[in-house]
Amino acid sequence: MAETTETVEEKQQASDAETQEQSKTSAQSVEFEQAGESVAKGPGSSIDLLLDMEAEITVSIGKTQIPIKQLLQLTPGSVIKLQKNIEEPVDLYLNESRFATGSIVVIEDSFAIKINDVLNVTNPDSQQQEQ
């Protein structure tokens, strides 16, 4: 019986040691090849895909604040005066980031924007402060 108990204990210890060995993670260093700049070529290139996409541009002509009481009294024909002077350029936004300023013009029967200035996109924080 003593031998059987020792054999069971030895098997259990061997099993525990094997389980511990399996649960250990071995870390190895990995070397990656230097990624070179690849230029997509041909009609199916990824840049062509991007160039064919459309982007929504929003034009802001001005802002104002009014009391809620006045807001609730608005009816068709009401006029809201904006804080921006008519001679000031309008702001153009792409994905809520201001990227240009322009002037409102009319082409045929539609409004249009003549770009006056494309803003520096390297520092978007400075654009937020200007608003």
N, C-alpha and C. Protein backbone atom coordinates (compact mmCIF):
# COMPACT_ATOMS: atom_id res chain seq x y z
N MET A 1 0.81 -1.18 0.00
CA MET A 1 0.00 0.00 0.00
C MET A 1 0.86 1.24 0.00
N ALA A 2 2.00 1.20 0.75
CA ALA A 2 2.91 2.34 0.80
C ALA A 2 3.47 2.61 -0.58
N GLU A 3 3.80 1.53 -1.30
CA GLU A 3 4.33 1.70 -2.65
C GLU A 3 3.29 2.33 -3.56
N THR A 4 2.05 1.93 -3.43
CA THR A 4 0.98 2.47 -4.27
C THR A 4 0.80 3.95 -3.98
N THR A 5 0.83 4.34 -2.71
CA THR A 5 0.69 5.74 -2.35
C THR A 5 1.84 6.55 -2.92
N GLU A 6 3.08 6.01 -2.81
CA GLU A 6 4.24 6.72 -3.36
C GLU A 6 4.14 6.83 -4.87
N THR A 7 3.68 5.79 -5.52
CA THR A 7 3.53 5.81 -6.98
C THR A 7 2.51 6.85 -7.40
N VAL A 8 1.39 6.92 -6.70
CA VAL A 8 0.35 7.91 -7.01
C VAL A 8 0.91 9.32 -6.79
N GLU A 9 1.64 9.51 -5.67
CA GLU A 9 2.21 10.81 -5.38
C GLU A 9 3.25 11.20 -6.45
N GLU A 10 4.07 10.25 -6.87
CA GLU A 10 5.08 10.52 -7.90
C GLU A 10 4.40 10.89 -9.22
N LYS A 11 3.36 10.17 -9.58
CA LYS A 11 2.63 10.47 -10.81
C LYS A 11 2.00 11.86 -10.73
N GLN A 12 1.45 12.18 -9.56
CA GLN A 12 0.83 13.50 -9.37
C GLN A 12 1.88 14.60 -9.49
N GLN A 13 3.04 14.41 -8.86
CA GLN A 13 4.10 15.40 -8.93
C GLN A 13 4.61 15.55 -10.37
N ALA A 14 4.74 14.44 -11.07
CA ALA A 14 5.19 14.48 -12.47
C ALA A 14 4.16 15.22 -13.32
N SER A 15 2.89 14.97 -13.06
CA SER A 15 1.82 15.64 -13.81
C SER A 15 1.83 17.14 -13.51
N ASP A 16 2.01 17.51 -12.25
CA ASP A 16 2.07 18.92 -11.86
C ASP A 16 3.25 19.62 -12.52
N ALA A 17 4.40 18.96 -12.55
CA ALA A 17 5.60 19.53 -13.17
C ALA A 17 5.37 19.72 -14.66
N GLU A 18 4.73 18.76 -15.30
CA GLU A 18 4.45 18.87 -16.74
C GLU A 18 3.49 20.03 -17.01
N THR A 19 2.48 20.17 -16.17
CA THR A 19 1.51 21.26 -16.33
C THR A 19 2.20 22.61 -16.18
N GLN A 20 3.10 22.73 -15.20
CA GLN A 20 3.83 23.98 -15.00
C GLN A 20 4.71 24.29 -16.20
N GLU A 21 5.37 23.30 -16.77
CA GLU A 21 6.22 23.49 -17.93
C GLU A 21 5.39 23.99 -19.12
N GLN A 22 4.18 23.44 -19.28
CA GLN A 22 3.32 23.82 -20.39
C GLN A 22 2.79 25.24 -20.21
N SER A 23 2.57 25.65 -18.95
CA SER A 23 2.00 26.97 -18.72
C SER A 23 3.04 28.09 -18.79
N LYS A 24 4.34 27.75 -18.75
CA LYS A 24 5.37 28.76 -18.88
C LYS A 24 5.39 29.29 -20.30
N THR A 25 5.56 30.61 -20.42
CA THR A 25 5.62 31.23 -21.74
C THR A 25 7.06 31.52 -22.05
N SER A 26 7.47 31.12 -23.21
CA SER A 26 8.84 31.44 -23.59
C SER A 26 8.80 32.63 -24.53
N ALA A 27 9.63 33.59 -24.26
CA ALA A 27 9.71 34.80 -25.10
C ALA A 27 10.93 34.70 -25.97
N GLN A 28 10.74 35.03 -27.22
CA GLN A 28 11.84 35.02 -28.16
C GLN A 28 11.87 36.37 -28.85
N SER A 29 13.06 36.84 -29.12
CA SER A 29 13.14 38.09 -29.86
C SER A 29 12.84 37.81 -31.32
N VAL A 30 12.21 38.80 -31.94
CA VAL A 30 11.82 38.66 -33.34
C VAL A 30 12.44 39.80 -34.11
N GLU A 31 12.97 39.50 -35.24
CA GLU A 31 13.54 40.54 -36.09
C GLU A 31 12.65 40.71 -37.30
N PHE A 32 12.28 41.97 -37.56
CA PHE A 32 11.45 42.27 -38.71
C PHE A 32 12.31 42.91 -39.79
N GLU A 33 11.95 42.64 -41.01
CA GLU A 33 12.66 43.26 -42.11
C GLU A 33 12.27 44.74 -42.18
N GLN A 34 13.19 45.55 -42.64
CA GLN A 34 12.92 46.98 -42.81
C GLN A 34 11.87 47.14 -43.91
N ALA A 35 10.81 47.85 -43.59
CA ALA A 35 9.77 48.06 -44.59
C ALA A 35 10.19 49.19 -45.51
N GLY A 36 10.21 48.91 -46.76
CA GLY A 36 10.56 49.94 -47.74
C GLY A 36 9.32 50.66 -48.19
N GLU A 37 9.51 51.83 -48.74
CA GLU A 37 8.38 52.57 -49.27
C GLU A 37 7.96 51.92 -50.58
N SER A 38 6.73 51.48 -50.61
CA SER A 38 6.25 50.87 -51.85
C SER A 38 5.34 51.85 -52.55
N VAL A 39 5.48 51.94 -53.81
CA VAL A 39 4.66 52.82 -54.61
C VAL A 39 3.68 51.96 -55.37
N ALA A 40 2.40 52.22 -55.12
CA ALA A 40 1.37 51.44 -55.80
C ALA A 40 1.33 51.88 -57.26
N LYS A 41 1.25 50.91 -58.12
CA LYS A 41 1.24 51.21 -59.54
C LYS A 41 0.03 50.55 -60.18
N GLY A 42 -0.40 51.12 -61.27
CA GLY A 42 -1.48 50.52 -62.03
C GLY A 42 -2.83 51.08 -61.65
N PRO A 43 -3.84 50.74 -62.42
CA PRO A 43 -5.17 51.30 -62.21
C PRO A 43 -5.82 50.83 -60.91
N GLY A 44 -5.39 49.73 -60.33
CA GLY A 44 -5.99 49.23 -59.11
C GLY A 44 -5.24 49.66 -57.87
N SER A 45 -4.38 50.65 -57.97
CA SER A 45 -3.55 51.03 -56.82
C SER A 45 -4.41 51.67 -55.73
N SER A 46 -3.91 51.60 -54.51
CA SER A 46 -4.67 52.10 -53.37
C SER A 46 -4.85 53.61 -53.42
N ILE A 47 -3.90 54.35 -53.97
CA ILE A 47 -4.05 55.81 -54.04
C ILE A 47 -5.19 56.16 -54.99
N ASP A 48 -5.36 55.39 -56.05
CA ASP A 48 -6.47 55.65 -56.96
C ASP A 48 -7.80 55.47 -56.25
N LEU A 49 -7.88 54.48 -55.39
CA LEU A 49 -9.09 54.25 -54.62
C LEU A 49 -9.41 55.46 -53.74
N LEU A 50 -8.39 55.99 -53.08
CA LEU A 50 -8.59 57.17 -52.23
C LEU A 50 -8.96 58.40 -53.04
N LEU A 51 -8.32 58.57 -54.17
CA LEU A 51 -8.57 59.75 -54.99
C LEU A 51 -9.98 59.77 -55.57
N ASP A 52 -10.60 58.61 -55.69
CA ASP A 52 -11.96 58.53 -56.22
C ASP A 52 -13.03 58.73 -55.14
N MET A 53 -12.63 58.76 -53.88
CA MET A 53 -13.59 58.93 -52.79
C MET A 53 -14.04 60.38 -52.70
N GLU A 54 -15.23 60.58 -52.15
CA GLU A 54 -15.75 61.92 -51.96
C GLU A 54 -15.65 62.30 -50.49
N ALA A 55 -15.45 63.60 -50.25
CA ALA A 55 -15.36 64.12 -48.89
C ALA A 55 -16.40 65.22 -48.73
N GLU A 56 -17.09 65.22 -47.62
CA GLU A 56 -18.10 66.24 -47.36
C GLU A 56 -17.45 67.47 -46.74
N ILE A 57 -17.70 68.61 -47.35
CA ILE A 57 -17.18 69.88 -46.86
C ILE A 57 -18.34 70.69 -46.31
N THR A 58 -18.14 71.28 -45.14
CA THR A 58 -19.14 72.13 -44.52
C THR A 58 -18.64 73.56 -44.53
N VAL A 59 -19.53 74.50 -44.84
CA VAL A 59 -19.17 75.91 -44.86
C VAL A 59 -19.93 76.60 -43.74
N SER A 60 -19.20 77.34 -42.90
CA SER A 60 -19.81 78.08 -41.81
C SER A 60 -19.77 79.57 -42.13
N ILE A 61 -20.94 80.18 -42.19
CA ILE A 61 -20.98 81.61 -42.51
C ILE A 61 -21.01 82.47 -41.26
N GLY A 62 -21.26 81.87 -40.10
CA GLY A 62 -21.24 82.65 -38.86
C GLY A 62 -21.96 81.95 -37.73
N LYS A 63 -21.92 82.58 -36.55
CA LYS A 63 -22.55 82.04 -35.34
C LYS A 63 -23.22 83.17 -34.60
N THR A 64 -24.12 82.81 -33.71
CA THR A 64 -24.71 83.78 -32.80
C THR A 64 -25.31 83.03 -31.62
N GLN A 65 -25.64 83.76 -30.59
CA GLN A 65 -26.33 83.18 -29.44
C GLN A 65 -27.58 84.00 -29.20
N ILE A 66 -28.67 83.28 -28.95
CA ILE A 66 -29.93 83.95 -28.64
C ILE A 66 -30.54 83.27 -27.43
N PRO A 67 -31.34 84.02 -26.68
CA PRO A 67 -32.02 83.39 -25.54
C PRO A 67 -33.02 82.33 -26.01
N ILE A 68 -33.25 81.33 -25.19
CA ILE A 68 -34.19 80.25 -25.53
C ILE A 68 -35.58 80.84 -25.80
N LYS A 69 -35.96 81.84 -25.06
CA LYS A 69 -37.28 82.47 -25.26
C LYS A 69 -37.40 82.98 -26.70
N GLN A 70 -36.35 83.65 -27.19
CA GLN A 70 -36.35 84.16 -28.57
C GLN A 70 -36.34 83.01 -29.57
N LEU A 71 -35.58 81.94 -29.26
CA LEU A 71 -35.53 80.77 -30.13
C LEU A 71 -36.91 80.15 -30.31
N LEU A 72 -37.67 80.07 -29.22
CA LEU A 72 -39.01 79.49 -29.26
C LEU A 72 -40.00 80.37 -30.01
N GLN A 73 -39.68 81.63 -30.18
CA GLN A 73 -40.57 82.57 -30.88
C GLN A 73 -40.28 82.67 -32.37
N LEU A 74 -39.27 81.93 -32.87
CA LEU A 74 -38.93 81.99 -34.29
C LEU A 74 -40.06 81.42 -35.14
N THR A 75 -40.34 82.09 -36.24
CA THR A 75 -41.36 81.66 -37.18
C THR A 75 -40.80 81.84 -38.59
N PRO A 76 -41.43 81.28 -39.60
CA PRO A 76 -40.98 81.54 -40.97
C PRO A 76 -40.94 83.04 -41.23
N GLY A 77 -39.84 83.50 -41.77
CA GLY A 77 -39.65 84.93 -42.03
C GLY A 77 -38.83 85.63 -40.95
N SER A 78 -38.61 84.96 -39.79
CA SER A 78 -37.77 85.56 -38.74
C SER A 78 -36.34 85.68 -39.26
N VAL A 79 -35.62 86.68 -38.79
CA VAL A 79 -34.23 86.90 -39.21
C VAL A 79 -33.33 86.79 -37.98
N ILE A 80 -32.24 86.05 -38.14
CA ILE A 80 -31.25 85.91 -37.06
C ILE A 80 -29.98 86.58 -37.53
N LYS A 81 -29.53 87.57 -36.79
CA LYS A 81 -28.30 88.29 -37.14
C LYS A 81 -27.10 87.50 -36.61
N LEU A 82 -26.12 87.28 -37.50
CA LEU A 82 -24.92 86.56 -37.12
C LEU A 82 -23.84 87.53 -36.65
N GLN A 83 -22.87 87.01 -35.90
CA GLN A 83 -21.80 87.83 -35.35
C GLN A 83 -20.71 88.16 -36.37
N LYS A 84 -20.72 87.51 -37.50
CA LYS A 84 -19.67 87.70 -38.50
C LYS A 84 -20.08 88.81 -39.47
N ASN A 85 -19.13 89.69 -39.76
CA ASN A 85 -19.34 90.77 -40.71
C ASN A 85 -19.44 90.19 -42.12
N ILE A 86 -20.22 90.81 -42.98
CA ILE A 86 -20.44 90.29 -44.34
C ILE A 86 -19.16 90.25 -45.16
N GLU A 87 -18.17 91.08 -44.84
CA GLU A 87 -16.92 91.11 -45.59
C GLU A 87 -15.91 90.08 -45.10
N GLU A 88 -16.16 89.47 -43.96
CA GLU A 88 -15.24 88.46 -43.43
C GLU A 88 -15.37 87.17 -44.23
N PRO A 89 -14.27 86.44 -44.39
CA PRO A 89 -14.34 85.17 -45.12
C PRO A 89 -15.12 84.11 -44.33
N VAL A 90 -15.69 83.17 -45.05
CA VAL A 90 -16.37 82.05 -44.41
C VAL A 90 -15.35 80.95 -44.14
N ASP A 91 -15.69 80.04 -43.23
CA ASP A 91 -14.78 78.95 -42.87
C ASP A 91 -15.25 77.65 -43.52
N LEU A 92 -14.29 76.89 -44.05
CA LEU A 92 -14.58 75.60 -44.67
C LEU A 92 -14.03 74.51 -43.75
N TYR A 93 -14.85 73.47 -43.53
CA TYR A 93 -14.50 72.37 -42.63
C TYR A 93 -14.55 71.04 -43.36
N LEU A 94 -13.60 70.20 -43.03
CA LEU A 94 -13.58 68.82 -43.49
C LEU A 94 -13.49 67.96 -42.23
N ASN A 95 -14.52 67.15 -41.98
CA ASN A 95 -14.57 66.34 -40.75
C ASN A 95 -14.37 67.19 -39.51
N GLU A 96 -15.07 68.29 -39.43
CA GLU A 96 -15.06 69.20 -38.29
C GLU A 96 -13.72 69.88 -38.05
N SER A 97 -12.81 69.82 -39.01
CA SER A 97 -11.53 70.52 -38.90
C SER A 97 -11.50 71.62 -39.96
N ARG A 98 -11.25 72.83 -39.52
CA ARG A 98 -11.20 73.95 -40.44
C ARG A 98 -9.95 73.83 -41.30
N PHE A 99 -10.12 73.87 -42.61
CA PHE A 99 -8.98 73.70 -43.49
C PHE A 99 -8.80 74.84 -44.48
N ALA A 100 -9.79 75.73 -44.60
CA ALA A 100 -9.66 76.82 -45.56
C ALA A 100 -10.65 77.93 -45.22
N THR A 101 -10.42 79.09 -45.83
CA THR A 101 -11.37 80.19 -45.76
C THR A 101 -11.71 80.59 -47.19
N GLY A 102 -12.86 81.21 -47.36
CA GLY A 102 -13.27 81.60 -48.70
C GLY A 102 -14.33 82.67 -48.67
N SER A 103 -14.74 83.05 -49.87
CA SER A 103 -15.79 84.06 -50.05
C SER A 103 -16.98 83.42 -50.74
N ILE A 104 -18.17 83.86 -50.36
CA ILE A 104 -19.37 83.34 -50.99
C ILE A 104 -19.55 84.04 -52.34
N VAL A 105 -19.78 83.24 -53.38
CA VAL A 105 -20.06 83.75 -54.72
C VAL A 105 -21.28 83.03 -55.25
N VAL A 106 -21.81 83.53 -56.35
CA VAL A 106 -22.96 82.89 -56.98
C VAL A 106 -22.56 82.44 -58.37
N ILE A 107 -22.83 81.16 -58.67
CA ILE A 107 -22.59 80.61 -60.00
C ILE A 107 -23.94 80.10 -60.50
N GLU A 108 -24.40 80.69 -61.59
CA GLU A 108 -25.73 80.42 -62.12
C GLU A 108 -26.74 80.69 -61.01
N ASP A 109 -27.47 79.69 -60.55
CA ASP A 109 -28.46 79.91 -59.49
C ASP A 109 -28.04 79.26 -58.17
N SER A 110 -26.75 78.99 -58.00
CA SER A 110 -26.28 78.30 -56.80
C SER A 110 -25.20 79.10 -56.08
N PHE A 111 -25.18 78.92 -54.75
CA PHE A 111 -24.08 79.48 -53.97
C PHE A 111 -22.83 78.68 -54.26
N ALA A 112 -21.68 79.32 -54.17
CA ALA A 112 -20.40 78.65 -54.31
C ALA A 112 -19.41 79.36 -53.40
N ILE A 113 -18.26 78.76 -53.23
CA ILE A 113 -17.21 79.34 -52.38
C ILE A 113 -15.95 79.51 -53.21
N LYS A 114 -15.41 80.70 -53.19
CA LYS A 114 -14.11 80.98 -53.81
C LYS A 114 -13.07 80.86 -52.70
N ILE A 115 -12.13 79.93 -52.83
CA ILE A 115 -11.12 79.70 -51.78
C ILE A 115 -10.17 80.89 -51.73
N ASN A 116 -10.05 81.48 -50.54
CA ASN A 116 -9.12 82.59 -50.31
C ASN A 116 -7.79 82.09 -49.75
N ASP A 117 -7.86 81.09 -48.85
CA ASP A 117 -6.67 80.65 -48.17
C ASP A 117 -6.85 79.20 -47.71
N VAL A 118 -5.84 78.38 -47.96
CA VAL A 118 -5.82 77.02 -47.42
C VAL A 118 -4.94 77.08 -46.19
N LEU A 119 -5.49 76.65 -45.06
CA LEU A 119 -4.81 76.80 -43.77
C LEU A 119 -3.73 75.75 -43.57
N ASN A 120 -2.80 76.07 -42.71
CA ASN A 120 -1.72 75.15 -42.34
C ASN A 120 -2.32 74.00 -41.55
N VAL A 121 -2.19 72.79 -42.06
CA VAL A 121 -2.79 71.63 -41.39
C VAL A 121 -1.83 70.94 -40.45
N THR A 122 -0.61 71.46 -40.28
CA THR A 122 0.35 70.78 -39.41
C THR A 122 0.05 71.00 -37.94
N ASN A 123 -0.70 72.06 -37.59
CA ASN A 123 -1.02 72.33 -36.19
C ASN A 123 -2.52 72.59 -36.05
N PRO A 124 -3.34 71.53 -35.95
CA PRO A 124 -4.78 71.71 -35.89
C PRO A 124 -5.23 72.44 -34.63
N ASP A 125 -4.42 72.44 -33.54
CA ASP A 125 -4.80 73.13 -32.31
C ASP A 125 -4.90 74.63 -32.55
N SER A 126 -4.02 75.18 -33.38
CA SER A 126 -4.06 76.62 -33.63
C SER A 126 -5.33 76.99 -34.38
N GLN A 127 -5.86 76.09 -35.20
CA GLN A 127 -7.08 76.36 -35.92
C GLN A 127 -8.27 76.41 -34.97
N GLN A 128 -8.28 75.55 -33.96
CA GLN A 128 -9.38 75.53 -33.01
C GLN A 128 -9.43 76.82 -32.20
N GLN A 129 -8.27 77.39 -31.89
CA GLN A 129 -8.22 78.61 -31.10
C GLN A 129 -8.71 79.81 -31.89
N GLU A 130 -8.56 79.79 -33.20
CA GLU A 130 -8.97 80.91 -34.02
C GLU A 130 -10.48 81.01 -34.14
N GLN A 131 -11.21 79.94 -33.89
CA GLN A 131 -12.66 79.92 -34.13
C GLN A 131 -13.42 80.72 -33.14
